Amino acid sequence: MKKTHSLIALLSYSLMLLFVHAETNALIEVKLFKDWVIKEEVNFGNFNLAIKNTGTAPILLSEDPSDFEWGQLATRPLPHNTEENTEQEREYQMMMWKKTDVIGLLPEETHVYEEGKFLLRPLPFSNEMRFTVSIYLGKGFWLDSGPITINGVAPDSVEQLTTINDNTGSIKNLRKLMLVAYKNERWLYSNLQGSASIFPVCPVSLTNKIRVEPHDDKGLFKIWDGEKSMIYNMYKVTLLEGPDENDVFGKWTRERKQRAEADNAEVRRKKAEAQKP
C-alpha cells in the first residue's frame, strides 16, 4: 500500500506586536490522510500537523483541538481569497470570547495536537486541488504553509461491503460501508443512508477479506482486515484503535509528539544554561 506522506512547509511572516517588533515564523509539518480524493467525498479526509515556532515572538494557539480547528485552522484554496478574513475573524473572536485555554508556543518550541485529526474543508473538485494549511492569529494575520496538492481521481473499483446500524435500529442511523480501490491502495469508506456523499475511514489491505461485526451497543464495530482488527465509531466515522497500517495518524502522532517533547526539553535546557550567571 502506498504510504501517505508528510509535507513540510516553511513559511516566513512578520507582524508588529504591541510591545516589541518581533518576527512570527513557523515551520508547519502536515501529515495528510491521503493525497487523492474521489468526487463523492465530502471532507476530503483528515490531516494532522506539528507547528514549530521559528520566530522571536510567542504564537498563541488554542489548546483544545476542536476550538483550534474552527477558530484558527483553515485549508485555504490557492489563490487565497482575502474576503475569507472576515468570516475567520468572527470565528476567532468567538473562540476568544469563549475563553478557551491558550498555548503560548515559545520560540524554537514545537506543538503537536495529539488528539487532532482535522478535516480538510471542501474544495471544488478537480484533477488538481491546491491549497495551504493556514493558522489564523487575528486581525487578518495568517501563518500559511507552502502549497499542498491533492489529486481528484476516478476510482478503479467500488465494492459494497455491508450495511451497519446502531442498537436503536433507526433508519436515520444506517450506514453503508464500501471498499474503494485506486491504483495500489484500497480504502474503507462510509455512506450515510440516503446520501450520495461518502467519507473515508481508513486504508485496508489490497487482498485480505474485510469483515465487520458489532462491538457494543454504542455504535462501535470491530472491523477485521484479515487477522488484524480495528474498532470503528460509526458516528464519528473514525477508528478508535487499530494497527499502524490502518490507523493513519496513530504511529505518526505518537512519534512526532515524542520527538517534539524531546526537542522542547533540549531548547529549554539550553535557554536555562544561557541564563546562568
Protein backbone atom coordinates (compact mmCIF):
# COMPACT_ATOMS: atom_id res chain seq x y z
CA MET A 1 0.00 0.00 0.00
CA LYS A 2 1.24 3.42 -0.82
CA LYS A 3 2.04 5.30 2.37
CA THR A 4 0.70 8.77 2.93
CA HIS A 5 3.44 11.28 3.12
CA SER A 6 4.35 14.23 5.28
CA LEU A 7 4.61 17.62 3.70
CA ILE A 8 6.92 20.11 5.36
CA ALA A 9 6.15 23.70 4.60
CA LEU A 10 8.35 26.58 5.69
CA LEU A 11 6.78 29.96 5.94
CA SER A 12 8.10 33.39 6.81
CA TYR A 13 5.79 36.05 8.11
CA SER A 14 6.25 39.26 10.10
CA LEU A 15 3.83 41.19 12.24
CA MET A 16 4.06 44.04 14.74
CA LEU A 17 3.30 43.13 18.36
CA LEU A 18 2.14 45.88 20.68
CA PHE A 19 5.13 45.66 22.96
CA VAL A 20 8.00 44.93 20.59
CA HIS A 21 8.85 44.48 16.94
CA ALA A 22 9.00 40.69 16.68
CA GLU A 23 9.08 38.19 13.89
CA THR A 24 6.46 35.46 13.76
CA ASN A 25 7.71 32.50 11.76
CA ALA A 26 6.73 28.85 11.87
CA LEU A 27 7.70 25.53 10.38
CA ILE A 28 4.44 23.67 9.72
CA GLU A 29 4.60 19.93 9.12
CA VAL A 30 1.40 18.48 7.65
CA LYS A 31 0.51 14.80 7.68
CA LEU A 32 -2.15 14.08 5.06
CA PHE A 33 -4.71 11.30 5.39
CA LYS A 34 -4.14 10.57 1.69
CA ASP A 35 -3.18 12.63 -1.34
CA TRP A 36 -6.11 11.71 -3.63
CA VAL A 37 -9.89 12.02 -3.41
CA ILE A 38 -12.88 10.91 -5.44
CA LYS A 39 -15.72 13.19 -6.39
CA GLU A 40 -18.22 11.80 -3.87
CA GLU A 41 -16.00 12.52 -0.86
CA VAL A 42 -17.32 15.25 1.42
CA ASN A 43 -14.47 16.26 3.69
CA PHE A 44 -11.51 15.02 1.62
CA GLY A 45 -10.26 13.15 4.67
CA ASN A 46 -8.16 14.37 7.54
CA PHE A 47 -4.76 15.72 8.37
CA ASN A 48 -2.66 16.39 11.43
CA LEU A 49 0.14 18.84 11.95
CA ALA A 50 3.13 19.88 14.01
CA ILE A 51 3.89 23.58 14.47
CA LYS A 52 7.41 24.77 15.29
CA ASN A 53 7.86 28.40 16.28
CA THR A 54 10.91 29.64 14.36
CA GLY A 55 10.33 33.31 15.15
CA THR A 56 11.11 35.55 18.10
CA ALA A 57 7.58 36.05 19.48
CA PRO A 58 5.23 33.52 21.11
CA ILE A 59 2.49 32.13 18.86
CA LEU A 60 -0.90 31.95 20.57
CA LEU A 61 -2.77 28.72 19.81
CA SER A 62 -5.96 27.29 21.27
CA GLU A 63 -5.09 24.28 23.39
CA ASP A 64 -8.33 22.45 22.59
CA PRO A 65 -8.16 20.82 19.13
CA SER A 66 -11.86 21.50 18.43
CA ASP A 67 -11.55 25.20 19.27
CA PHE A 68 -8.32 25.43 17.29
CA GLU A 69 -9.99 23.82 14.27
CA TRP A 70 -12.91 26.24 13.98
CA GLY A 71 -11.28 29.32 15.47
CA GLN A 72 -7.82 29.31 13.89
CA LEU A 73 -7.26 26.48 11.41
CA ALA A 74 -8.23 26.60 7.75
CA THR A 75 -7.45 24.88 4.49
CA ARG A 76 -7.37 27.77 2.02
CA PRO A 77 -7.64 27.18 -1.73
CA LEU A 78 -5.00 28.84 -3.87
CA PRO A 79 -5.01 31.63 -4.81
CA HIS A 80 -6.15 32.93 -1.43
CA ASN A 81 -9.33 34.95 -1.15
CA THR A 82 -8.90 37.88 1.23
CA GLU A 83 -12.65 38.03 1.79
CA GLU A 84 -12.38 34.92 3.96
CA ASN A 85 -10.62 37.02 6.62
CA THR A 86 -13.95 38.46 7.78
CA GLU A 87 -15.50 35.05 8.47
CA GLN A 88 -12.37 33.71 10.12
CA GLU A 89 -12.06 36.82 12.30
CA ARG A 90 -15.61 36.23 13.52
CA GLU A 91 -14.83 32.62 14.42
CA TYR A 92 -11.55 33.64 16.04
CA GLN A 93 -13.25 36.27 18.21
CA MET A 94 -15.95 33.76 19.23
CA MET A 95 -13.19 31.35 20.24
CA MET A 96 -11.51 34.06 22.34
CA TRP A 97 -14.87 35.12 23.82
CA LYS A 98 -15.35 31.51 24.90
CA LYS A 99 -12.15 32.00 26.92
CA THR A 100 -10.60 28.85 25.54
CA ASP A 101 -7.29 27.80 27.08
CA VAL A 102 -4.44 29.22 25.00
CA ILE A 103 -0.94 27.89 24.46
CA GLY A 104 1.83 30.45 24.13
CA LEU A 105 4.11 28.47 21.83
CA LEU A 106 7.55 29.84 22.65
CA PRO A 107 10.30 30.47 20.10
CA GLU A 108 12.09 27.28 18.93
CA GLU A 109 9.47 25.02 20.52
CA THR A 110 7.09 22.64 18.72
CA HIS A 111 3.45 21.76 19.37
CA VAL A 112 1.67 18.63 18.14
CA TYR A 113 -2.08 18.22 18.52
CA GLU A 114 -2.10 14.73 19.96
CA GLU A 115 -5.86 14.26 19.61
CA GLY A 116 -6.05 16.30 16.43
CA LYS A 117 -7.47 14.76 13.26
CA PHE A 118 -8.52 17.86 11.41
CA LEU A 119 -10.88 17.98 8.46
CA LEU A 120 -9.81 19.30 5.09
CA ARG A 121 -12.56 21.74 4.27
CA PRO A 122 -14.35 21.03 0.98
CA LEU A 123 -12.60 22.25 -2.15
CA PRO A 124 -14.07 22.47 -5.67
CA PHE A 125 -13.35 19.02 -7.13
CA SER A 126 -10.84 18.99 -10.00
CA ASN A 127 -7.92 16.96 -11.29
CA GLU A 128 -5.59 19.03 -9.13
CA MET A 129 -6.60 20.88 -5.96
CA ARG A 130 -4.00 23.26 -4.48
CA PHE A 131 -4.32 24.82 -1.04
CA THR A 132 -2.45 25.81 2.09
CA VAL A 133 -2.95 24.75 5.68
CA SER A 134 -3.22 28.07 7.49
CA ILE A 135 -3.30 29.25 11.09
CA TYR A 136 -5.17 32.46 11.90
CA LEU A 137 -3.73 34.80 14.57
CA GLY A 138 -6.39 37.52 14.41
CA LYS A 139 -6.76 40.89 12.67
CA GLY A 140 -6.16 39.42 9.21
CA PHE A 141 -2.84 37.72 10.04
CA TRP A 142 -2.30 34.17 8.75
CA LEU A 143 0.52 31.68 9.04
CA ASP A 144 0.39 29.83 5.71
CA SER A 145 2.07 26.59 4.78
CA GLY A 146 3.59 26.12 1.38
CA PRO A 147 1.33 24.87 -1.43
CA ILE A 148 -0.14 21.39 -0.96
CA THR A 149 -1.69 19.41 -3.82
CA ILE A 150 -4.38 16.72 -3.73
CA ASN A 151 -5.44 14.96 -6.93
CA GLY A 152 -9.05 14.32 -7.87
CA VAL A 153 -9.34 10.82 -9.36
CA ALA A 154 -11.79 8.24 -10.65
CA PRO A 155 -11.57 5.04 -8.54
CA ASP A 156 -10.60 1.75 -10.16
CA SER A 157 -13.41 -0.04 -8.31
CA VAL A 158 -16.10 0.47 -5.65
CA GLU A 159 -17.27 -2.61 -3.77
CA GLN A 160 -20.28 -2.58 -1.44
CA LEU A 161 -19.22 -4.30 1.79
CA THR A 162 -22.14 -4.24 4.24
CA THR A 163 -24.75 -2.10 5.99
CA ILE A 164 -24.50 -1.35 9.71
CA ASN A 165 -26.80 0.21 12.29
CA ASP A 166 -26.68 1.04 15.99
CA ASN A 167 -28.83 -0.59 18.66
CA THR A 168 -31.73 1.83 18.08
CA GLY A 169 -32.50 0.31 14.72
CA SER A 170 -33.45 3.76 13.39
CA ILE A 171 -33.19 4.11 9.62
CA LYS A 172 -31.57 7.51 10.24
CA ASN A 173 -28.53 5.74 11.66
CA LEU A 174 -28.00 3.28 8.81
CA ARG A 175 -24.51 3.36 7.33
CA LYS A 176 -23.25 1.65 4.23
CA LEU A 177 -19.64 0.51 4.22
CA MET A 178 -17.78 0.13 0.93
CA LEU A 179 -14.28 -0.55 -0.37
CA VAL A 180 -12.74 1.91 -2.83
CA ALA A 181 -9.64 0.87 -4.79
CA TYR A 182 -7.30 3.22 -6.62
CA LYS A 183 -4.01 2.04 -8.10
CA ASN A 184 -2.21 0.12 -5.34
CA GLU A 185 -4.45 1.35 -2.49
CA ARG A 186 -7.76 0.16 -1.06
CA TRP A 187 -9.74 2.21 1.45
CA LEU A 188 -12.79 1.64 3.60
CA TYR A 189 -15.49 4.30 3.13
CA SER A 190 -18.75 5.05 4.93
CA ASN A 191 -22.00 6.35 3.46
CA LEU A 192 -24.98 7.75 5.39
CA GLN A 193 -28.21 6.10 4.25
CA GLY A 194 -29.91 8.19 1.59
CA SER A 195 -26.90 10.41 0.96
CA ALA A 196 -24.67 10.47 -2.12
CA SER A 197 -21.71 11.67 -0.06
CA ILE A 198 -19.11 9.26 1.31
CA PHE A 199 -16.44 9.55 3.99
CA PRO A 200 -13.03 7.85 4.04
CA VAL A 201 -12.43 5.75 7.16
CA CYS A 202 -9.04 4.05 6.83
CA PRO A 203 -6.76 2.19 4.42
CA VAL A 204 -7.10 -1.59 4.28
CA SER A 205 -5.01 -4.26 2.63
CA LEU A 206 -5.40 -4.97 -1.06
CA THR A 207 -6.08 -8.70 -0.76
CA ASN A 208 -7.39 -9.54 2.73
CA LYS A 209 -11.07 -10.24 3.30
CA ILE A 210 -12.67 -7.38 5.25
CA ARG A 211 -15.22 -8.43 7.87
CA VAL A 212 -17.45 -6.30 10.13
CA GLU A 213 -19.16 -7.27 13.40
CA PRO A 214 -20.85 -5.33 16.24
CA HIS A 215 -18.56 -4.40 19.13
CA ASP A 216 -21.01 -2.87 21.64
CA ASP A 217 -24.37 -1.11 21.83
CA LYS A 218 -22.95 2.38 21.36
CA GLY A 219 -22.27 2.47 17.65
CA LEU A 220 -18.89 0.74 17.81
CA PHE A 221 -17.94 -2.03 15.38
CA LYS A 222 -14.98 -4.37 15.06
CA ILE A 223 -13.56 -4.45 11.56
CA TRP A 224 -11.26 -7.32 10.60
CA ASP A 225 -8.60 -6.85 7.94
CA GLY A 226 -7.53 -10.47 7.61
CA GLU A 227 -6.36 -11.35 11.15
CA LYS A 228 -5.91 -7.72 12.22
CA SER A 229 -8.79 -5.94 13.96
CA MET A 230 -9.84 -2.30 14.37
CA ILE A 231 -12.52 -0.57 16.45
CA TYR A 232 -14.69 1.76 14.34
CA ASN A 233 -17.01 4.51 15.62
CA MET A 234 -19.92 4.82 13.18
CA TYR A 235 -20.94 8.27 14.45
CA LYS A 236 -17.51 9.90 14.22
CA VAL A 237 -16.55 7.93 11.09
CA THR A 238 -13.15 7.20 12.57
CA LEU A 239 -11.06 4.45 14.13
CA LEU A 240 -10.71 4.39 17.89
CA GLU A 241 -7.90 1.87 17.68
CA GLY A 242 -6.13 -0.27 15.13
CA PRO A 243 -2.71 -1.34 13.86
CA ASP A 244 -0.42 1.31 12.38
CA GLU A 245 -1.09 0.10 8.83
CA ASN A 246 -4.76 1.06 9.23
CA ASP A 247 -4.61 3.89 11.76
CA VAL A 248 -3.02 6.55 9.53
CA PHE A 249 -2.25 9.03 12.30
CA GLY A 250 -1.55 6.74 15.24
CA LYS A 251 2.13 5.97 14.72
CA TRP A 252 2.93 9.38 13.17
CA THR A 253 1.32 11.32 16.01
CA ARG A 254 2.93 9.24 18.77
CA GLU A 255 6.41 9.51 17.28
CA ARG A 256 6.08 13.19 16.34
CA LYS A 257 4.79 14.06 19.82
CA GLN A 258 7.70 12.25 21.48
CA ARG A 259 10.22 13.97 19.22
CA ALA A 260 8.63 17.38 19.90
CA GLU A 261 8.79 16.83 23.66
CA ALA A 262 12.45 15.83 23.47
CA ASP A 263 13.30 18.83 21.27
CA ASN A 264 11.41 21.21 23.56
CA ALA A 265 13.23 19.87 26.62
CA GLU A 266 16.56 20.49 24.88
CA VAL A 267 15.54 24.02 23.89
CA ARG A 268 14.56 24.82 27.49
CA ARG A 269 17.79 23.30 28.82
CA LYS A 270 19.88 25.50 26.51
CA LYS A 271 17.92 28.60 27.45
CA ALA A 272 18.36 27.84 31.15
CA GLU A 273 22.11 27.35 30.63
CA ALA A 274 22.35 30.65 28.77
CA GLN A 275 20.66 32.50 31.65
CA LYS A 276 23.07 31.24 34.28
CA PRO A 277 25.49 33.89 35.57
